[in-house]
C-alpha cells in the first residue's frame, strides 16, 4: 500500500457484521492495522466485542461495537439509525466499506434438511445481506466497497452441506447483481470465499477435530487448514484503493482446496 493510500485509510470507516469472533474479528483488526476504523456487530457476546474494540483501539483505529441479529431483518431500520449515531461519534455521517460476514453453520443433508433450517439459513446468509445492504445504502459513500463472504463450499461439495453450500452460491449471484446495480455509484462489490478455517465456526470442527483437520489438509495444496490470519488481511486489502478496479469478482482464500 502506498503512503498516500495509507494516509487515506485513516479517514475510512468500515461496517463489519459478526466482528466479535472468527473471520470478522480478524477483519476488524486487519483493517485497524491499516488505520481503518470499524463499526462492527456482535450477536450476543458483548464481552468478546469489548475485547475487539480494545484491540482495534490499541492498533490505532478506534472501533464501535453494536448488537445485531442479522436474521432479524425487521430490526435493520433501527440498526441504520444506530449506525448513523455511531458515525456521528466518529465525526462523520457516512461510511466507506461494508463487509457482510456474519453467518451460522448447517450440517443438513438433502435427506435431513428441514424447512425450519432452510428458513434460518436463508434469513442469515441471503436475506440478511440483501436487506441490510439495502438499509445502509443511503449511508455508504459513492466510490465505496462491499464484500460479501461466500465459501469454498459454493464451488465444491462436502457431506452435510446441502443447505449451507447452496446458500453461499446464492450470495455469489447476489454479489454480481449488486455490482451491476451499484456501478453508477462507483461502489465495487466483491466476494471472498474462505476455505475450511480453524475457528469456532460449525462448533470448531476444523480447529478441534484432528481427523477433520487432517482430512482438510490432505485436500489442500498447501497441506494445512486455513487460519483467520490467512483471510482477514485479504478482506482488508480487497477493500483498499489498490483493488479499486476489481469488481464483481470471487476471491477464494483456501490455500488451493480441492483444485
C-alpha atoms as a PDB file:
ATOM      1  CA  UNK A   1       0.000   0.000   0.000  1.00  0.00           C
ATOM      2  CA  UNK A   2       1.383   3.419  -0.959  1.00  0.00           C
ATOM      3  CA  UNK A   3       1.952   6.195   1.599  1.00  0.00           C
ATOM      4  CA  UNK A   4      -0.895   8.171   0.031  1.00  0.00           C
ATOM      5  CA  UNK A   5      -3.272   5.241   0.309  1.00  0.00           C
ATOM      6  CA  UNK A   6      -2.175   4.628   3.888  1.00  0.00           C
ATOM      7  CA  UNK A   7      -2.991   8.248   4.740  1.00  0.00           C
ATOM      8  CA  UNK A   8      -6.374   7.953   3.075  1.00  0.00           C
ATOM      9  CA  UNK A   9      -7.121   4.774   5.058  1.00  0.00           C
ATOM     10  CA  UNK A  10      -7.044   6.781   8.280  1.00  0.00           C
ATOM     11  CA  UNK A  11     -10.198   8.553   7.109  1.00  0.00           C
ATOM     12  CA  UNK A  12     -12.087   5.390   6.142  1.00  0.00           C
ATOM     13  CA  UNK A  13     -14.769   3.603   8.140  1.00  0.00           C
ATOM     14  CA  UNK A  14     -15.918   0.003   7.685  1.00  0.00           C
ATOM     15  CA  UNK A  15     -19.045  -1.741   8.890  1.00  0.00           C
ATOM     16  CA  UNK A  16     -18.496  -5.446   9.541  1.00  0.00           C
ATOM     17  CA  UNK A  17     -21.182  -7.869  10.672  1.00  0.00           C
ATOM     18  CA  UNK A  18     -20.113 -10.622  13.035  1.00  0.00           C
ATOM     19  CA  UNK A  19     -16.955  -8.789  14.046  1.00  0.00           C
ATOM     20  CA  UNK A  20     -16.563 -10.127  17.577  1.00  0.00           C
ATOM     21  CA  UNK A  21     -15.233 -13.565  16.600  1.00  0.00           C
ATOM     22  CA  UNK A  22     -13.611 -15.630  13.891  1.00  0.00           C
ATOM     23  CA  UNK A  23     -13.032 -14.117  10.487  1.00  0.00           C
ATOM     24  CA  UNK A  24     -14.978 -10.961  11.284  1.00  0.00           C
ATOM     25  CA  UNK A  25     -12.775 -10.257  14.293  1.00  0.00           C
ATOM     26  CA  UNK A  26      -9.663 -10.771  12.196  1.00  0.00           C
ATOM     27  CA  UNK A  27     -11.023  -8.457   9.520  1.00  0.00           C
ATOM     28  CA  UNK A  28     -11.666  -5.699  12.080  1.00  0.00           C
ATOM     29  CA  UNK A  29      -8.118  -5.990  13.424  1.00  0.00           C
ATOM     30  CA  UNK A  30      -6.550  -6.276   9.964  1.00  0.00           C
ATOM     31  CA  UNK A  31      -8.326  -3.086   8.941  1.00  0.00           C
ATOM     32  CA  UNK A  32      -7.262  -1.400  12.185  1.00  0.00           C
ATOM     33  CA  UNK A  33      -3.623  -2.095  11.324  1.00  0.00           C
ATOM     34  CA  UNK A  34      -4.249  -0.159   8.104  1.00  0.00           C
ATOM     35  CA  UNK A  35      -5.788   2.716  10.028  1.00  0.00           C
ATOM     36  CA  UNK A  36      -9.386   1.918   9.059  1.00  0.00           C
ATOM     37  CA  UNK A  37     -11.924   2.474  11.826  1.00  0.00           C
ATOM     38  CA  UNK A  38     -14.782  -0.004  12.223  1.00  0.00           C
ATOM     39  CA  UNK A  39     -18.337  -0.250  13.387  1.00  0.00           C
ATOM     40  CA  UNK A  40     -18.851  -3.956  13.875  1.00  0.00           C
ATOM     41  CA  UNK A  41     -21.708  -6.087  15.104  1.00  0.00           C
ATOM     42  CA  UNK A  42     -21.927  -8.872  17.611  1.00  0.00           C
ATOM     43  CA  UNK A  43     -24.812 -11.235  18.248  1.00  0.00           C
ATOM     44  CA  UNK A  44     -24.735 -11.952  21.998  1.00  0.00           C
ATOM     45  CA  UNK A  45     -21.236 -11.874  23.481  1.00  0.00           C
ATOM     46  CA  UNK A  46     -20.615  -8.247  24.418  1.00  0.00           C
ATOM     47  CA  UNK A  47     -17.535  -9.167  26.457  1.00  0.00           C
ATOM     48  CA  UNK A  48     -15.787 -10.524  23.361  1.00  0.00           C
ATOM     49  CA  UNK A  49     -16.912  -7.484  21.378  1.00  0.00           C
ATOM     50  CA  UNK A  50     -15.382  -5.211  24.012  1.00  0.00           C
ATOM     51  CA  UNK A  51     -12.083  -7.081  23.661  1.00  0.00           C
ATOM     52  CA  UNK A  52     -12.078  -6.441  19.914  1.00  0.00           C
ATOM     53  CA  UNK A  53     -12.792  -2.747  20.497  1.00  0.00           C
ATOM     54  CA  UNK A  54      -9.811  -2.571  22.844  1.00  0.00           C
ATOM     55  CA  UNK A  55      -7.502  -4.392  20.409  1.00  0.00           C
ATOM     56  CA  UNK A  56      -8.556  -2.216  17.478  1.00  0.00           C
ATOM     57  CA  UNK A  57      -8.023   0.933  19.510  1.00  0.00           C
ATOM     58  CA  UNK A  58      -4.609  -0.355  20.570  1.00  0.00           C
ATOM     59  CA  UNK A  59      -3.790  -0.864  16.891  1.00  0.00           C
ATOM     60  CA  UNK A  60      -4.591   2.793  16.252  1.00  0.00           C
ATOM     61  CA  UNK A  61      -8.109   2.674  14.806  1.00  0.00           C
ATOM     62  CA  UNK A  62     -10.978   3.143  17.268  1.00  0.00           C
ATOM     63  CA  UNK A  63     -13.947   0.812  16.799  1.00  0.00           C
ATOM     64  CA  UNK A  64     -17.550   0.739  17.970  1.00  0.00           C
ATOM     65  CA  UNK A  65     -19.491  -2.476  18.652  1.00  0.00           C
ATOM     66  CA  UNK A  66     -23.242  -2.651  18.044  1.00  0.00           C
ATOM     67  CA  UNK A  67     -25.524  -5.583  18.828  1.00  0.00           C
ATOM     68  CA  UNK A  68     -27.364  -7.075  15.845  1.00  0.00           C
ATOM     69  CA  UNK A  69     -29.027 -10.339  14.899  1.00  0.00           C
ATOM     70  CA  UNK A  70     -28.701 -10.466  11.116  1.00  0.00           C
ATOM     71  CA  UNK A  71     -31.561 -12.984  10.971  1.00  0.00           C
ATOM     72  CA  UNK A  72     -33.999 -10.303  12.178  1.00  0.00           C
ATOM     73  CA  UNK A  73     -34.480  -8.047   9.177  1.00  0.00           C
ATOM     74  CA  UNK A  74     -37.227  -6.147  10.990  1.00  0.00           C
ATOM     75  CA  UNK A  75     -34.501  -4.518  13.134  1.00  0.00           C
ATOM     76  CA  UNK A  76     -32.435  -3.189  10.236  1.00  0.00           C
ATOM     77  CA  UNK A  77     -34.092   0.240  10.056  1.00  0.00           C
ATOM     78  CA  UNK A  78     -33.315   0.774  13.735  1.00  0.00           C
ATOM     79  CA  UNK A  79     -29.785  -0.537  13.174  1.00  0.00           C
ATOM     80  CA  UNK A  80     -29.253   2.020  10.403  1.00  0.00           C
ATOM     81  CA  UNK A  81     -30.208   4.748  12.869  1.00  0.00           C
ATOM     82  CA  UNK A  82     -27.740   3.358  15.412  1.00  0.00           C
ATOM     83  CA  UNK A  83     -25.066   3.319  12.707  1.00  0.00           C
ATOM     84  CA  UNK A  84     -25.822   6.990  11.996  1.00  0.00           C
ATOM     85  CA  UNK A  85     -25.377   7.779  15.677  1.00  0.00           C
ATOM     86  CA  UNK A  86     -22.091   5.848  15.786  1.00  0.00           C
ATOM     87  CA  UNK A  87     -20.845   7.658  12.701  1.00  0.00           C
ATOM     88  CA  UNK A  88     -21.661  10.932  14.437  1.00  0.00           C
ATOM     89  CA  UNK A  89     -19.398   9.906  17.320  1.00  0.00           C
ATOM     90  CA  UNK A  90     -16.676   9.352  14.714  1.00  0.00           C
ATOM     91  CA  UNK A  91     -17.200  12.842  13.331  1.00  0.00           C
ATOM     92  CA  UNK A  92     -18.880  11.951  10.057  1.00  0.00           C
ATOM     93  CA  UNK A  93     -22.216  10.985   8.515  1.00  0.00           C
ATOM     94  CA  UNK A  94     -21.160   8.258   6.081  1.00  0.00           C
ATOM     95  CA  UNK A  95     -19.041   5.142   5.902  1.00  0.00           C
ATOM     96  CA  UNK A  96     -16.916   3.609   3.142  1.00  0.00           C
ATOM     97  CA  UNK A  97     -16.850  -0.178   3.398  1.00  0.00           C
ATOM     98  CA  UNK A  98     -19.412  -2.867   4.217  1.00  0.00           C
ATOM     99  CA  UNK A  99     -18.462  -6.472   4.963  1.00  0.00           C
ATOM    100  CA  UNK A 100     -21.428  -8.852   5.160  1.00  0.00           C
ATOM    101  CA  UNK A 101     -19.655 -11.508   7.211  1.00  0.00           C
ATOM    102  CA  UNK A 102     -22.000 -12.789   9.942  1.00  0.00           C
ATOM    103  CA  UNK A 103     -23.113 -16.358   9.426  1.00  0.00           C
ATOM    104  CA  UNK A 104     -24.173 -19.619  11.008  1.00  0.00           C
ATOM    105  CA  UNK A 105     -23.364 -23.182  10.080  1.00  0.00           C
ATOM    106  CA  UNK A 106     -25.576 -26.028   8.914  1.00  0.00           C
ATOM    107  CA  UNK A 107     -24.802 -29.734   8.695  1.00  0.00           C
ATOM    108  CA  UNK A 108     -28.023 -30.654   6.907  1.00  0.00           C
ATOM    109  CA  UNK A 109     -28.151 -33.174   4.092  1.00  0.00           C
ATOM    110  CA  UNK A 110     -30.755 -33.367   1.349  1.00  0.00           C
ATOM    111  CA  UNK A 111     -32.401 -36.165   3.316  1.00  0.00           C
ATOM    112  CA  UNK A 112     -32.287 -34.470   6.727  1.00  0.00           C
ATOM    113  CA  UNK A 113     -32.701 -30.772   5.971  1.00  0.00           C
ATOM    114  CA  UNK A 114     -35.872 -29.249   7.414  1.00  0.00           C
ATOM    115  CA  UNK A 115     -37.961 -26.317   6.317  1.00  0.00           C
ATOM    116  CA  UNK A 116     -37.054 -24.518   9.539  1.00  0.00           C
ATOM    117  CA  UNK A 117     -33.330 -24.902   8.874  1.00  0.00           C
ATOM    118  CA  UNK A 118     -33.773 -23.736   5.285  1.00  0.00           C
ATOM    119  CA  UNK A 119     -35.594 -20.654   6.528  1.00  0.00           C
ATOM    120  CA  UNK A 120     -32.919 -19.950   9.163  1.00  0.00           C
ATOM    121  CA  UNK A 121     -30.032 -20.252   6.710  1.00  0.00           C
ATOM    122  CA  UNK A 122     -31.853 -18.122   4.150  1.00  0.00           C
ATOM    123  CA  UNK A 123     -32.520 -15.423   6.751  1.00  0.00           C
ATOM    124  CA  UNK A 124     -28.878 -15.263   7.844  1.00  0.00           C
ATOM    125  CA  UNK A 125     -26.953 -15.812   4.615  1.00  0.00           C
ATOM    126  CA  UNK A 126     -29.105 -14.264   1.883  1.00  0.00           C
ATOM    127  CA  UNK A 127     -31.995 -12.217   3.230  1.00  0.00           C
ATOM    128  CA  UNK A 128     -29.756 -10.624   5.850  1.00  0.00           C
ATOM    129  CA  UNK A 129     -27.018  -9.333   3.498  1.00  0.00           C
ATOM    130  CA  UNK A 130     -29.618  -8.298   0.921  1.00  0.00           C
ATOM    131  CA  UNK A 131     -31.802  -6.239   3.233  1.00  0.00           C
ATOM    132  CA  UNK A 132     -29.004  -4.945   5.460  1.00  0.00           C
ATOM    133  CA  UNK A 133     -27.128  -3.629   2.440  1.00  0.00           C
ATOM    134  CA  UNK A 134     -30.362  -2.052   1.257  1.00  0.00           C
ATOM    135  CA  UNK A 135     -30.899  -0.396   4.649  1.00  0.00           C
ATOM    136  CA  UNK A 136     -27.385   1.084   4.636  1.00  0.00           C
ATOM    137  CA  UNK A 137     -27.194   2.264   1.018  1.00  0.00           C
ATOM    138  CA  UNK A 138     -28.046   5.840   1.917  1.00  0.00           C
ATOM    139  CA  UNK A 139     -25.109   5.914   4.363  1.00  0.00           C
ATOM    140  CA  UNK A 140     -22.325   4.427   2.245  1.00  0.00           C
ATOM    141  CA  UNK A 141     -20.172   6.818   0.271  1.00  0.00           C
ATOM    142  CA  UNK A 142     -20.192   6.783  -3.505  1.00  0.00           C
ATOM    143  CA  UNK A 143     -16.998   5.051  -4.521  1.00  0.00           C
ATOM    144  CA  UNK A 144     -17.249   2.743  -1.519  1.00  0.00           C
ATOM    145  CA  UNK A 145     -16.745  -1.003  -1.453  1.00  0.00           C
ATOM    146  CA  UNK A 146     -18.773  -4.006  -0.318  1.00  0.00           C
ATOM    147  CA  UNK A 147     -17.560  -7.532   0.394  1.00  0.00           C
ATOM    148  CA  UNK A 148     -19.925 -10.443   0.831  1.00  0.00           C
ATOM    149  CA  UNK A 149     -18.489 -13.532   2.478  1.00  0.00           C
ATOM    150  CA  UNK A 150     -19.073 -16.703   0.485  1.00  0.00           C
ATOM    151  CA  UNK A 151     -17.422 -20.102   0.982  1.00  0.00           C
ATOM    152  CA  UNK A 152     -15.347 -22.662  -0.838  1.00  0.00           C
ATOM    153  CA  UNK A 153     -18.469 -24.806  -0.442  1.00  0.00           C
ATOM    154  CA  UNK A 154     -20.186 -22.725  -3.097  1.00  0.00           C
ATOM    155  CA  UNK A 155     -17.723 -24.314  -5.543  1.00  0.00           C
ATOM    156  CA  UNK A 156     -17.160 -27.833  -4.171  1.00  0.00           C
ATOM    157  CA  UNK A 157     -19.375 -30.280  -2.303  1.00  0.00           C
ATOM    158  CA  UNK A 158     -18.932 -31.961   1.050  1.00  0.00           C
ATOM    159  CA  UNK A 159     -21.244 -34.233   3.037  1.00  0.00           C
ATOM    160  CA  UNK A 160     -23.647 -32.322   5.265  1.00  0.00           C
ATOM    161  CA  UNK A 161     -23.549 -29.033   3.412  1.00  0.00           C
ATOM    162  CA  UNK A 162     -26.709 -29.384   1.303  1.00  0.00           C
ATOM    163  CA  UNK A 163     -28.171 -26.120   2.612  1.00  0.00           C
ATOM    164  CA  UNK A 164     -25.099 -24.095   3.552  1.00  0.00           C
ATOM    165  CA  UNK A 165     -23.235 -24.508   0.235  1.00  0.00           C
ATOM    166  CA  UNK A 166     -26.181 -23.546  -2.000  1.00  0.00           C
ATOM    167  CA  UNK A 167     -26.948 -20.540   0.223  1.00  0.00           C
ATOM    168  CA  UNK A 168     -23.414 -19.288  -0.333  1.00  0.00           C
ATOM    169  CA  UNK A 169     -23.794 -19.889  -4.076  1.00  0.00           C
ATOM    170  CA  UNK A 170     -26.854 -17.629  -3.905  1.00  0.00           C
ATOM    171  CA  UNK A 171     -24.730 -14.985  -2.166  1.00  0.00           C
ATOM    172  CA  UNK A 172     -22.305 -15.112  -5.085  1.00  0.00           C
ATOM    173  CA  UNK A 173     -25.128 -14.471  -7.562  1.00  0.00           C
ATOM    174  CA  UNK A 174     -26.353 -11.637  -5.350  1.00  0.00           C
ATOM    175  CA  UNK A 175     -22.869 -10.117  -5.314  1.00  0.00           C
ATOM    176  CA  UNK A 176     -22.773  -9.875  -9.092  1.00  0.00           C
ATOM    177  CA  UNK A 177     -26.224  -8.308  -9.118  1.00  0.00           C
ATOM    178  CA  UNK A 178     -25.168  -5.753  -6.513  1.00  0.00           C
ATOM    179  CA  UNK A 179     -22.061  -4.885  -8.517  1.00  0.00           C
ATOM    180  CA  UNK A 180     -24.159  -4.241 -11.606  1.00  0.00           C
ATOM    181  CA  UNK A 181     -26.771  -2.105  -9.874  1.00  0.00           C
ATOM    182  CA  UNK A 182     -24.362  -0.102  -7.710  1.00  0.00           C
ATOM    183  CA  UNK A 183     -21.941   0.538 -10.573  1.00  0.00           C
ATOM    184  CA  UNK A 184     -23.356   4.011 -11.314  1.00  0.00           C
ATOM    185  CA  UNK A 185     -22.369   4.995  -7.763  1.00  0.00           C
ATOM    186  CA  UNK A 186     -18.883   3.517  -8.319  1.00  0.00           C
ATOM    187  CA  UNK A 187     -19.448   1.086  -5.441  1.00  0.00           C
ATOM    188  CA  UNK A 188     -17.469  -2.094  -6.076  1.00  0.00           C
ATOM    189  CA  UNK A 189     -18.951  -5.324  -4.768  1.00  0.00           C
ATOM    190  CA  UNK A 190     -16.840  -8.461  -4.477  1.00  0.00           C
ATOM    191  CA  UNK A 191     -16.943 -11.738  -2.612  1.00  0.00           C
ATOM    192  CA  UNK A 192     -14.340 -13.516  -0.510  1.00  0.00           C
ATOM    193  CA  UNK A 193     -14.756 -17.301  -0.323  1.00  0.00           C
ATOM    194  CA  UNK A 194     -12.742 -18.821   2.534  1.00  0.00           C
ATOM    195  CA  UNK A 195     -11.894 -22.495   2.592  1.00  0.00           C
ATOM    196  CA  UNK A 196     -12.015 -24.517   5.809  1.00  0.00           C
ATOM    197  CA  UNK A 197     -10.686 -22.228   8.557  1.00  0.00           C
ATOM    198  CA  UNK A 198      -9.682 -23.144  12.113  1.00  0.00           C
ATOM    199  CA  UNK A 199     -12.200 -21.053  14.072  1.00  0.00           C
ATOM    200  CA  UNK A 200     -15.143 -21.824  16.357  1.00  0.00           C
ATOM    201  CA  UNK A 201     -17.447 -21.897  13.322  1.00  0.00           C
ATOM    202  CA  UNK A 202     -19.527 -25.064  12.992  1.00  0.00           C
ATOM    203  CA  UNK A 203     -18.684 -25.982  16.563  1.00  0.00           C
ATOM    204  CA  UNK A 204     -14.949 -25.591  15.934  1.00  0.00           C
ATOM    205  CA  UNK A 205     -14.866 -28.839  13.968  1.00  0.00           C
ATOM    206  CA  UNK A 206     -11.959 -27.843  11.699  1.00  0.00           C
ATOM    207  CA  UNK A 207      -9.952 -26.396  14.579  1.00  0.00           C
ATOM    208  CA  UNK A 208     -10.649 -29.011  17.250  1.00  0.00           C
ATOM    209  CA  UNK A 209     -11.253 -32.319  15.471  1.00  0.00           C
ATOM    210  CA  UNK A 210      -7.896 -33.863  14.458  1.00  0.00           C
ATOM    211  CA  UNK A 211      -9.464 -36.176  11.872  1.00  0.00           C
ATOM    212  CA  UNK A 212     -11.325 -33.351  10.137  1.00  0.00           C
ATOM    213  CA  UNK A 213      -8.245 -31.145  10.317  1.00  0.00           C
ATOM    214  CA  UNK A 214      -6.127 -33.862   8.698  1.00  0.00           C
ATOM    215  CA  UNK A 215      -8.746 -34.546   6.019  1.00  0.00           C
ATOM    216  CA  UNK A 216      -8.997 -30.869   5.050  1.00  0.00           C
ATOM    217  CA  UNK A 217      -5.217 -30.507   4.969  1.00  0.00           C
ATOM    218  CA  UNK A 218      -4.934 -33.531   2.678  1.00  0.00           C
ATOM    219  CA  UNK A 219      -7.264 -31.865   0.162  1.00  0.00           C
ATOM    220  CA  UNK A 220      -5.425 -28.527   0.232  1.00  0.00           C
ATOM    221  CA  UNK A 221      -2.441 -27.752  -1.976  1.00  0.00           C
ATOM    222  CA  UNK A 222      -0.567 -26.033   0.858  1.00  0.00           C
ATOM    223  CA  UNK A 223      -1.101 -29.073   3.101  1.00  0.00           C
ATOM    224  CA  UNK A 224      -2.785 -27.392   6.057  1.00  0.00           C
ATOM    225  CA  UNK A 225      -6.086 -25.858   7.111  1.00  0.00           C
ATOM    226  CA  UNK A 226      -6.594 -22.118   6.967  1.00  0.00           C
ATOM    227  CA  UNK A 227      -6.203 -19.727   9.878  1.00  0.00           C
ATOM    228  CA  UNK A 228      -8.077 -16.442  10.476  1.00  0.00           C
ATOM    229  CA  UNK A 229      -4.836 -14.579   9.712  1.00  0.00           C
ATOM    230  CA  UNK A 230      -4.984 -16.072   6.217  1.00  0.00           C
ATOM    231  CA  UNK A 231      -8.320 -14.380   5.495  1.00  0.00           C
ATOM    232  CA  UNK A 232      -8.666 -11.109   7.427  1.00  0.00           C
ATOM    233  CA  UNK A 233      -5.753  -9.384   5.657  1.00  0.00           C
ATOM    234  CA  UNK A 234      -7.218 -10.381   2.270  1.00  0.00           C
ATOM    235  CA  UNK A 235     -10.502  -8.702   3.173  1.00  0.00           C
ATOM    236  CA  UNK A 236      -8.655  -5.587   4.312  1.00  0.00           C
ATOM    237  CA  UNK A 237      -6.545  -5.479   1.152  1.00  0.00           C
ATOM    238  CA  UNK A 238      -9.524  -6.000  -1.152  1.00  0.00           C
ATOM    239  CA  UNK A 239     -11.238  -3.007   0.424  1.00  0.00           C
ATOM    240  CA  UNK A 240      -8.252  -0.757  -0.249  1.00  0.00           C
ATOM    241  CA  UNK A 241      -7.799   1.620  -3.174  1.00  0.00           C
ATOM    242  CA  UNK A 242      -5.171  -0.764  -4.548  1.00  0.00           C
ATOM    243  CA  UNK A 243      -8.054  -3.008  -5.654  1.00  0.00           C
ATOM    244  CA  UNK A 244     -10.249  -0.187  -6.913  1.00  0.00           C
ATOM    245  CA  UNK A 245     -10.720  -1.690 -10.396  1.00  0.00           C
ATOM    246  CA  UNK A 246     -11.695  -5.141  -9.101  1.00  0.00           C
ATOM    247  CA  UNK A 247     -15.461  -5.576  -9.196  1.00  0.00           C
ATOM    248  CA  UNK A 248     -17.976  -8.469  -9.161  1.00  0.00           C
ATOM    249  CA  UNK A 249     -15.193 -10.991  -8.514  1.00  0.00           C
ATOM    250  CA  UNK A 250     -14.954 -14.119  -6.402  1.00  0.00           C
ATOM    251  CA  UNK A 251     -11.687 -14.363  -4.467  1.00  0.00           C
ATOM    252  CA  UNK A 252     -11.247 -17.818  -2.964  1.00  0.00           C
ATOM    253  CA  UNK A 253      -8.927 -17.875   0.043  1.00  0.00           C
ATOM    254  CA  UNK A 254      -8.417 -21.581   0.640  1.00  0.00           C
ATOM    255  CA  UNK A 255      -4.753 -22.407   0.070  1.00  0.00           C
ATOM    256  CA  UNK A 256      -5.793 -24.356  -3.004  1.00  0.00           C
ATOM    257  CA  UNK A 257      -8.633 -26.520  -1.710  1.00  0.00           C
ATOM    258  CA  UNK A 258      -9.772 -29.361  -3.964  1.00  0.00           C
ATOM    259  CA  UNK A 259      -8.181 -27.969  -7.106  1.00  0.00           C
END
